């Protein structure tokens, strides 16, 4: 068994902020606060100046590289946020399951967005073997830990997988399946 530690993994996100004057960017709820704190008249803000005229032709716009369309209108104001996190994986080549089996289980649980991060981490290029222990942050203060301590295949008789003759399927029971 060997342990892999992944330090300083940095998911990055860019959030577009509304095009407003810099002093008002932090007060996006200003009108609501004024209305709820004493009924004073809301402060009228100066309108933005019109954006510079567009110099891009239609042909340039539609032939632009995918994902890199020319910018039209006002300059975008983006806020970039980065978060570093540390994940640890203990791998074992002797464990009787495969990563594909684990991914099948995580596929079922993955509609819960917190398990989706775990599934994405397991889908990364991992060394050979099975991850018997995973520690991955879900929130800044919460870490998901998955540990496989013992596993054995049981032999089940085929009769437990036989559908009874009087069984009737109810299509409204699980409509999404």
Protein backbone atom coordinates (compact mmCIF):
# COMPACT_ATOMS: atom_id res chain seq x y z
CA UNK A 1 0.00 0.00 0.00
CA UNK A 2 1.20 3.50 -0.70
CA UNK A 3 -0.12 6.97 0.14
CA UNK A 4 -0.46 9.85 -2.28
CA UNK A 5 -0.78 13.40 -1.02
CA UNK A 6 -1.96 16.12 -3.36
CA UNK A 7 -1.07 19.57 -2.03
CA UNK A 8 -2.09 22.98 -3.28
CA UNK A 9 -4.74 21.83 -5.74
CA UNK A 10 -6.25 25.12 -6.78
CA UNK A 11 -9.74 25.25 -8.24
CA UNK A 12 -10.21 28.66 -9.78
CA UNK A 13 -13.42 30.53 -10.46
CA UNK A 14 -14.16 33.87 -12.05
CA UNK A 15 -17.30 35.69 -11.03
CA UNK A 16 -18.60 38.42 -13.26
CA UNK A 17 -19.65 41.46 -11.29
CA UNK A 18 -22.25 43.90 -12.46
CA UNK A 19 -21.01 46.81 -14.50
CA UNK A 20 -21.41 49.61 -12.01
CA UNK A 21 -19.29 52.44 -10.76
CA UNK A 22 -16.49 51.28 -8.41
CA UNK A 23 -17.78 53.00 -5.23
CA UNK A 24 -21.10 51.15 -5.57
CA UNK A 25 -19.80 47.62 -6.26
CA UNK A 26 -19.84 46.63 -2.61
CA UNK A 27 -23.32 48.04 -2.01
CA UNK A 28 -25.37 45.84 -4.31
CA UNK A 29 -28.25 45.75 -1.83
CA UNK A 30 -28.24 49.49 -1.13
CA UNK A 31 -31.81 50.16 -2.33
CA UNK A 32 -33.21 47.31 -0.28
CA UNK A 33 -31.34 48.43 2.83
CA UNK A 34 -32.61 52.02 2.44
CA UNK A 35 -36.20 50.82 2.07
CA UNK A 36 -36.02 48.62 5.16
CA UNK A 37 -34.18 51.07 7.42
CA UNK A 38 -36.57 53.92 8.08
CA UNK A 39 -38.20 54.54 4.71
CA UNK A 40 -35.83 57.30 3.57
CA UNK A 41 -35.74 58.12 -0.13
CA UNK A 42 -33.39 55.84 -2.05
CA UNK A 43 -30.20 57.43 -3.31
CA UNK A 44 -30.27 58.05 -7.06
CA UNK A 45 -27.08 56.93 -8.68
CA UNK A 46 -25.53 58.42 -11.77
CA UNK A 47 -26.02 56.35 -14.92
CA UNK A 48 -23.03 54.74 -16.52
CA UNK A 49 -21.60 56.29 -19.62
CA UNK A 50 -22.38 54.50 -22.86
CA UNK A 51 -19.83 51.88 -23.91
CA UNK A 52 -17.47 52.71 -26.75
CA UNK A 53 -18.76 51.91 -30.24
CA UNK A 54 -18.28 48.37 -31.48
CA UNK A 55 -15.51 47.95 -34.10
CA UNK A 56 -15.90 44.20 -34.64
CA UNK A 57 -17.56 42.99 -37.83
CA UNK A 58 -20.15 40.23 -37.92
CA UNK A 59 -17.71 38.00 -39.84
CA UNK A 60 -15.02 38.46 -37.15
CA UNK A 61 -17.55 37.65 -34.46
CA UNK A 62 -18.89 34.40 -35.97
CA UNK A 63 -15.45 33.13 -37.03
CA UNK A 64 -13.83 33.73 -33.64
CA UNK A 65 -12.16 30.79 -31.93
CA UNK A 66 -14.52 28.70 -29.79
CA UNK A 67 -14.66 30.03 -26.24
CA UNK A 68 -12.85 33.25 -27.20
CA UNK A 69 -15.59 35.42 -28.68
CA UNK A 70 -14.62 39.08 -29.09
CA UNK A 71 -15.78 41.29 -26.26
CA UNK A 72 -18.74 43.57 -26.97
CA UNK A 73 -19.94 46.41 -24.78
CA UNK A 74 -18.42 47.50 -21.47
CA UNK A 75 -15.29 45.93 -20.09
CA UNK A 76 -16.07 43.00 -17.82
CA UNK A 77 -15.20 43.34 -14.17
CA UNK A 78 -14.36 39.92 -12.79
CA UNK A 79 -13.50 38.78 -9.31
CA UNK A 80 -11.12 35.84 -9.18
CA UNK A 81 -11.13 33.44 -6.27
CA UNK A 82 -8.69 30.61 -5.63
CA UNK A 83 -8.78 28.02 -2.89
CA UNK A 84 -5.96 25.64 -2.09
CA UNK A 85 -6.80 22.27 -0.63
CA UNK A 86 -4.98 19.13 0.34
CA UNK A 87 -6.25 15.66 -0.49
CA UNK A 88 -4.81 12.33 0.63
CA UNK A 89 -5.33 8.92 -0.96
CA UNK A 90 -4.09 5.55 0.32
CA UNK A 91 -3.92 3.01 -2.52
CA UNK A 92 -3.78 -0.79 -2.23
CA UNK A 93 -3.11 -3.20 -5.07
CA UNK A 94 -4.37 -6.15 -2.99
CA UNK A 95 -7.93 -4.88 -2.48
CA UNK A 96 -10.47 -7.06 -4.36
CA UNK A 97 -12.45 -4.15 -5.89
CA UNK A 98 -11.57 -1.88 -8.80
CA UNK A 99 -11.82 1.88 -9.13
CA UNK A 100 -14.60 1.32 -11.69
CA UNK A 101 -16.70 -0.35 -8.96
CA UNK A 102 -16.20 2.65 -6.70
CA UNK A 103 -17.10 5.04 -9.53
CA UNK A 104 -20.34 3.11 -10.11
CA UNK A 105 -21.29 3.61 -6.45
CA UNK A 106 -20.32 7.29 -6.56
CA UNK A 107 -22.39 7.69 -9.74
CA UNK A 108 -25.48 6.77 -7.73
CA UNK A 109 -24.60 9.09 -4.83
CA UNK A 110 -23.27 11.92 -7.04
CA UNK A 111 -26.55 13.84 -7.46
CA UNK A 112 -25.66 15.26 -4.07
CA UNK A 113 -23.20 17.96 -5.10
CA UNK A 114 -20.86 17.32 -2.17
CA UNK A 115 -20.22 13.75 -3.34
CA UNK A 116 -19.57 15.05 -6.84
CA UNK A 117 -16.20 16.48 -5.71
CA UNK A 118 -15.27 13.09 -4.34
CA UNK A 119 -16.24 11.40 -7.61
CA UNK A 120 -14.23 13.94 -9.64
CA UNK A 121 -11.20 13.35 -7.42
CA UNK A 122 -11.41 9.57 -7.86
CA UNK A 123 -11.72 9.99 -11.64
CA UNK A 124 -8.35 11.74 -11.77
CA UNK A 125 -5.37 9.81 -13.00
CA UNK A 126 -4.59 7.66 -9.96
CA UNK A 127 -1.84 5.05 -9.74
CA UNK A 128 -2.80 1.37 -10.02
CA UNK A 129 -4.78 -0.15 -7.18
CA UNK A 130 -7.88 0.73 -5.22
CA UNK A 131 -8.22 3.81 -2.97
CA UNK A 132 -8.77 2.22 0.45
CA UNK A 133 -8.78 5.63 2.16
CA UNK A 134 -9.68 9.05 0.75
CA UNK A 135 -9.53 12.39 2.55
CA UNK A 136 -10.83 15.26 0.43
CA UNK A 137 -12.17 18.66 1.54
CA UNK A 138 -15.83 19.32 0.79
CA UNK A 139 -16.05 22.71 2.51
CA UNK A 140 -13.22 24.80 3.98
CA UNK A 141 -13.80 23.26 7.42
CA UNK A 142 -15.28 19.86 6.47
CA UNK A 143 -13.32 16.95 5.01
CA UNK A 144 -14.96 13.86 3.56
CA UNK A 145 -13.21 10.66 4.63
CA UNK A 146 -13.98 7.37 2.93
CA UNK A 147 -12.31 4.25 4.33
CA UNK A 148 -12.61 0.67 3.11
CA UNK A 149 -11.42 -1.55 5.94
CA UNK A 150 -12.75 -4.95 4.96
CA UNK A 151 -14.44 -6.39 1.92
CA UNK A 152 -15.42 -9.89 0.89
CA UNK A 153 -17.51 -11.31 -1.90
CA UNK A 154 -20.47 -13.36 -0.67
CA UNK A 155 -22.02 -16.14 -2.67
CA UNK A 156 -25.75 -15.53 -3.06
CA UNK A 157 -28.18 -18.12 -4.32
CA UNK A 158 -29.71 -17.23 -7.70
CA UNK A 159 -33.24 -17.51 -6.28
CA UNK A 160 -32.92 -14.20 -4.41
CA UNK A 161 -32.64 -12.45 -7.78
CA UNK A 162 -35.81 -14.01 -9.23
CA UNK A 163 -38.77 -11.65 -9.64
CA UNK A 164 -41.96 -13.09 -8.08
CA UNK A 165 -44.78 -14.03 -10.49
CA UNK A 166 -47.31 -11.74 -8.78
CA UNK A 167 -45.04 -8.67 -9.06
CA UNK A 168 -46.55 -5.67 -10.85
CA UNK A 169 -44.47 -2.65 -11.79
CA UNK A 170 -45.79 0.74 -10.67
CA UNK A 171 -44.55 3.29 -13.27
CA UNK A 172 -45.25 6.20 -10.91
CA UNK A 173 -43.01 4.76 -8.18
CA UNK A 174 -39.68 5.87 -9.70
CA UNK A 175 -40.58 8.13 -12.64
CA UNK A 176 -36.97 9.24 -13.28
CA UNK A 177 -35.59 5.74 -13.87
